[in-house]
Amino acid sequence: MTDIKLLTYLENIISEERKTRFLDILKDRTNYITVAIEDVFQMHNTSAVIRSCDAFGVQTAHLIESKYSEPLDKNIAMGAQQWVTTPRYNTTTECIDTLRKDGYKIIATSPHTDSYLLDDFKIDDKIALFFGTEKSGLSQEVLDKADGYVKIPMVGFSESLNISVSAAILLQHLTTELKKTTKNWQLTAEEILAIRLDWTKKSIKSIDDILERYYKENT
């Protein structure tokens, strides 16, 4: 449960303009679509996917790091890592199990024989889009456990796109289509409060000192 008293206290430190900006952005945020990135070797690609999540209103990007766990490239993410929630997992199994428990269908982004072309793909339930490594794509575990598959139609000689390009195309299309539906795609009130608190903390310099003073005054 979000500490409303703490949120109010901290929001008095930031500007009204920033508070309003947070609320405006959160109106278009969703967890109905989420992203999972499986062992991407090039961190600039992971960072670019997170930037696309921020740009198209996808609040959470799940990072599977069973092989690679380098920090995000801040120059590529352009600050997006502050505004997108990025839970991390040691294994693909852990990530898939967590997402299923939260009601997501696992959707592999892959030129699988059973893949829907992007224009034909329908969002019937909450979906988690899985993206794989640059060279080998998604693991066999994801392909075996997926509830569905989606691919971007291409008419040239290239058979695949860079992961960051694929993510941008998919997220732009799917978030646009989602917002045309009557589904409850927006964040819940509790999610919004939790994110407001997180973003507000990240907006304040010397936040550790301010929190220490707050807790001393309120205990």
Protein backbone atom coordinates (compact mmCIF):
# COMPACT_ATOMS: atom_id res chain seq x y z
CA MET A 1 0.00 0.00 0.00
CA THR A 2 1.37 3.39 -0.99
CA ASP A 3 2.19 5.78 1.86
CA ILE A 4 -0.14 8.66 0.92
CA LYS A 5 1.20 10.89 3.68
CA LEU A 6 4.74 10.47 2.39
CA LEU A 7 3.62 11.11 -1.18
CA THR A 8 1.92 14.34 -0.15
CA TYR A 9 5.00 15.42 1.80
CA LEU A 10 7.34 14.81 -1.12
CA GLU A 11 5.03 16.33 -3.72
CA ASN A 12 5.21 19.59 -1.80
CA ILE A 13 8.92 19.69 -2.68
CA ILE A 14 8.55 19.35 -6.45
CA SER A 15 6.95 21.92 -8.73
CA GLU A 16 3.26 22.01 -9.61
CA GLU A 17 4.28 21.74 -13.26
CA ARG A 18 6.09 18.48 -12.60
CA LYS A 19 3.20 17.03 -10.59
CA THR A 20 0.81 17.89 -13.41
CA ARG A 21 3.17 16.37 -15.96
CA PHE A 22 3.28 13.11 -14.01
CA LEU A 23 -0.52 12.91 -13.86
CA ASP A 24 -0.89 13.67 -17.57
CA ILE A 25 1.58 10.94 -18.53
CA LEU A 26 0.05 8.39 -16.17
CA LYS A 27 -3.33 8.77 -17.88
CA ASP A 28 -1.83 7.10 -20.95
CA ARG A 29 0.25 4.48 -19.14
CA THR A 30 -0.68 0.80 -19.29
CA ASN A 31 0.28 -2.54 -17.84
CA TYR A 32 -2.25 -4.34 -20.04
CA ILE A 33 0.64 -4.76 -22.46
CA THR A 34 4.03 -5.46 -20.95
CA VAL A 35 7.42 -6.44 -22.34
CA ALA A 36 9.94 -9.12 -21.39
CA ILE A 37 13.50 -8.96 -22.70
CA GLU A 38 15.38 -12.26 -22.61
CA ASP A 39 19.18 -12.18 -22.25
CA VAL A 40 19.90 -9.41 -24.72
CA PHE A 41 23.69 -9.12 -24.96
CA GLN A 42 23.91 -5.56 -26.25
CA MET A 43 22.71 -3.33 -23.43
CA HIS A 44 22.06 -0.46 -25.82
CA ASN A 45 19.34 -2.63 -27.37
CA THR A 46 17.69 -3.23 -23.99
CA SER A 47 17.94 0.48 -23.23
CA ALA A 48 16.35 1.34 -26.57
CA VAL A 49 13.44 -1.04 -25.92
CA ILE A 50 12.86 0.63 -22.55
CA ARG A 51 12.88 4.00 -24.28
CA SER A 52 10.18 2.72 -26.65
CA CYS A 53 8.15 1.47 -23.67
CA ASP A 54 8.25 4.96 -22.20
CA ALA A 55 7.41 6.61 -25.53
CA PHE A 56 4.35 4.43 -26.16
CA GLY A 57 3.08 4.29 -22.58
CA VAL A 58 4.07 0.75 -21.56
CA GLN A 59 4.92 1.02 -17.88
CA THR A 60 6.84 -2.20 -17.25
CA ALA A 61 9.71 -3.99 -18.98
CA HIS A 62 10.74 -7.31 -17.43
CA LEU A 63 14.47 -8.05 -17.76
CA ILE A 64 15.66 -11.67 -17.80
CA GLU A 65 19.36 -11.81 -16.94
CA SER A 66 20.37 -15.45 -16.70
CA LYS A 67 23.43 -14.75 -18.88
CA TYR A 68 23.97 -11.00 -19.05
CA SER A 69 23.35 -8.34 -16.43
CA GLU A 70 25.14 -5.19 -17.51
CA PRO A 71 23.72 -1.78 -16.48
CA LEU A 72 21.35 -0.04 -18.87
CA ASP A 73 22.94 2.38 -21.31
CA LYS A 74 21.71 5.75 -20.02
CA ASN A 75 22.77 7.53 -23.21
CA ILE A 76 20.45 5.32 -25.26
CA ALA A 77 17.62 5.14 -22.75
CA MET A 78 17.66 8.96 -22.51
CA GLY A 79 16.35 8.87 -18.95
CA ALA A 80 13.54 6.43 -19.73
CA GLN A 81 14.93 3.97 -17.18
CA GLN A 82 13.71 6.37 -14.48
CA TRP A 83 10.11 6.25 -15.64
CA VAL A 84 9.68 2.59 -16.72
CA THR A 85 9.44 -0.12 -14.08
CA THR A 86 12.11 -2.80 -14.72
CA PRO A 87 11.77 -5.92 -12.55
CA ARG A 88 14.67 -8.33 -13.06
CA TYR A 89 14.73 -12.15 -13.13
CA ASN A 90 17.49 -14.72 -12.93
CA THR A 91 15.71 -17.20 -15.20
CA THR A 92 13.15 -17.26 -17.98
CA THR A 93 11.07 -19.71 -15.97
CA GLU A 94 10.82 -17.26 -13.07
CA CYS A 95 9.69 -14.47 -15.39
CA ILE A 96 7.08 -16.54 -17.22
CA ASP A 97 5.67 -17.95 -13.96
CA THR A 98 5.39 -14.46 -12.48
CA LEU A 99 3.64 -13.07 -15.55
CA ARG A 100 1.21 -15.99 -15.76
CA LYS A 101 0.36 -15.52 -12.08
CA ASP A 102 -0.44 -11.89 -12.87
CA GLY A 103 -2.81 -12.94 -15.65
CA TYR A 104 -0.65 -12.36 -18.74
CA LYS A 105 -0.62 -14.39 -21.92
CA ILE A 106 2.90 -15.07 -23.13
CA ILE A 107 3.38 -13.80 -26.68
CA ALA A 108 6.61 -14.65 -28.48
CA THR A 109 7.82 -12.16 -31.06
CA SER A 110 9.13 -14.62 -33.60
CA PRO A 111 8.81 -15.68 -37.26
CA HIS A 112 7.24 -18.89 -35.90
CA THR A 113 5.11 -20.89 -38.30
CA ASP A 114 2.06 -20.18 -36.14
CA SER A 115 2.76 -16.45 -35.86
CA TYR A 116 0.06 -13.91 -36.52
CA LEU A 117 1.06 -11.03 -38.73
CA LEU A 118 0.98 -7.85 -36.67
CA ASP A 119 -2.09 -6.42 -38.44
CA ASP A 120 -4.04 -9.63 -37.71
CA PHE A 121 -3.03 -9.94 -34.05
CA LYS A 122 -5.87 -9.25 -31.62
CA ILE A 123 -5.44 -8.30 -27.97
CA ASP A 124 -8.02 -10.38 -26.14
CA ASP A 125 -6.27 -10.43 -22.74
CA LYS A 126 -3.29 -8.92 -20.98
CA ILE A 127 -0.18 -9.78 -22.99
CA ALA A 128 3.53 -9.99 -22.32
CA LEU A 129 5.61 -9.54 -25.48
CA PHE A 130 8.84 -11.52 -25.28
CA PHE A 131 11.91 -10.35 -27.19
CA GLY A 132 15.04 -12.48 -27.58
CA THR A 133 18.76 -12.16 -28.14
CA GLU A 134 20.24 -10.51 -31.21
CA LYS A 135 21.68 -13.68 -32.75
CA SER A 136 19.57 -16.63 -31.71
CA GLY A 137 16.25 -15.01 -30.85
CA LEU A 138 14.04 -16.33 -28.09
CA SER A 139 14.92 -19.44 -26.11
CA GLN A 140 13.17 -22.72 -26.82
CA GLU A 141 11.53 -22.43 -23.41
CA VAL A 142 9.69 -19.25 -24.42
CA LEU A 143 8.70 -20.73 -27.79
CA ASP A 144 7.39 -23.89 -26.11
CA LYS A 145 5.47 -22.06 -23.38
CA ALA A 146 4.09 -19.21 -25.49
CA ASP A 147 0.33 -18.77 -25.76
CA GLY A 148 0.75 -17.08 -29.12
CA TYR A 149 3.21 -15.66 -31.63
CA VAL A 150 3.39 -12.41 -33.55
CA LYS A 151 5.64 -11.16 -36.33
CA ILE A 152 6.11 -7.99 -38.32
CA PRO A 153 5.34 -8.42 -42.03
CA MET A 154 8.35 -7.71 -44.25
CA VAL A 155 8.65 -7.63 -48.03
CA GLY A 156 12.41 -7.22 -48.54
CA PHE A 157 15.37 -9.58 -48.38
CA SER A 158 15.83 -9.10 -44.62
CA GLU A 159 14.19 -11.79 -42.51
CA SER A 160 14.44 -9.99 -39.19
CA LEU A 161 14.84 -6.57 -37.59
CA ASN A 162 16.96 -5.34 -34.73
CA ILE A 163 15.21 -6.00 -31.43
CA SER A 164 14.86 -2.30 -30.63
CA VAL A 165 13.28 -1.59 -34.03
CA SER A 166 10.91 -4.55 -33.66
CA ALA A 167 9.86 -3.42 -30.21
CA ALA A 168 9.13 0.12 -31.38
CA ILE A 169 6.98 -1.08 -34.29
CA LEU A 170 5.06 -3.60 -32.20
CA LEU A 171 4.46 -1.29 -29.26
CA GLN A 172 3.35 1.64 -31.37
CA HIS A 173 0.85 -0.51 -33.27
CA LEU A 174 -0.47 -2.53 -30.33
CA THR A 175 -0.86 0.37 -27.90
CA THR A 176 -2.71 2.34 -30.56
CA GLU A 177 -5.07 -0.59 -31.18
CA LEU A 178 -5.53 -1.24 -27.46
CA LYS A 179 -6.67 2.32 -26.82
CA LYS A 180 -9.40 1.91 -29.43
CA THR A 181 -10.98 -0.86 -27.36
CA THR A 182 -13.25 -0.69 -24.32
CA LYS A 183 -10.85 -2.76 -22.20
CA ASN A 184 -9.68 -1.42 -18.84
CA TRP A 185 -6.18 -0.83 -20.14
CA GLN A 186 -5.22 2.07 -17.88
CA LEU A 187 -3.29 1.72 -14.64
CA THR A 188 -5.23 1.08 -11.44
CA ALA A 189 -5.51 3.82 -8.83
CA GLU A 190 -3.05 1.97 -6.58
CA GLU A 191 -0.56 1.54 -9.42
CA ILE A 192 -0.75 5.25 -10.18
CA LEU A 193 -0.10 6.19 -6.55
CA ALA A 194 2.89 3.83 -6.33
CA ILE A 195 4.40 5.21 -9.53
CA ARG A 196 3.79 8.82 -8.46
CA LEU A 197 5.72 8.13 -5.27
CA ASP A 198 8.55 6.45 -7.17
CA TRP A 199 8.80 9.23 -9.77
CA THR A 200 8.60 11.94 -7.12
CA LYS A 201 11.47 10.37 -5.18
CA LYS A 202 13.55 10.23 -8.35
CA SER A 203 12.87 13.91 -8.98
CA ILE A 204 14.30 15.13 -5.67
CA LYS A 205 17.98 15.67 -5.03
CA SER A 206 19.30 14.39 -1.69
CA ILE A 207 16.19 12.21 -1.40
CA ASP A 208 17.88 9.94 1.17
CA ASP A 209 18.45 12.87 3.54
CA ILE A 210 14.88 14.09 3.06
CA LEU A 211 13.43 10.63 3.74
CA GLU A 212 15.57 10.27 6.84
CA ARG A 213 14.23 13.59 8.17
CA TYR A 214 10.66 12.64 7.28
CA TYR A 215 10.79 9.34 9.15
CA LYS A 216 12.38 10.97 12.19
CA GLU A 217 9.55 13.49 12.27
CA ASN A 218 6.85 10.86 11.80
CA THR A 219 7.87 8.06 14.13
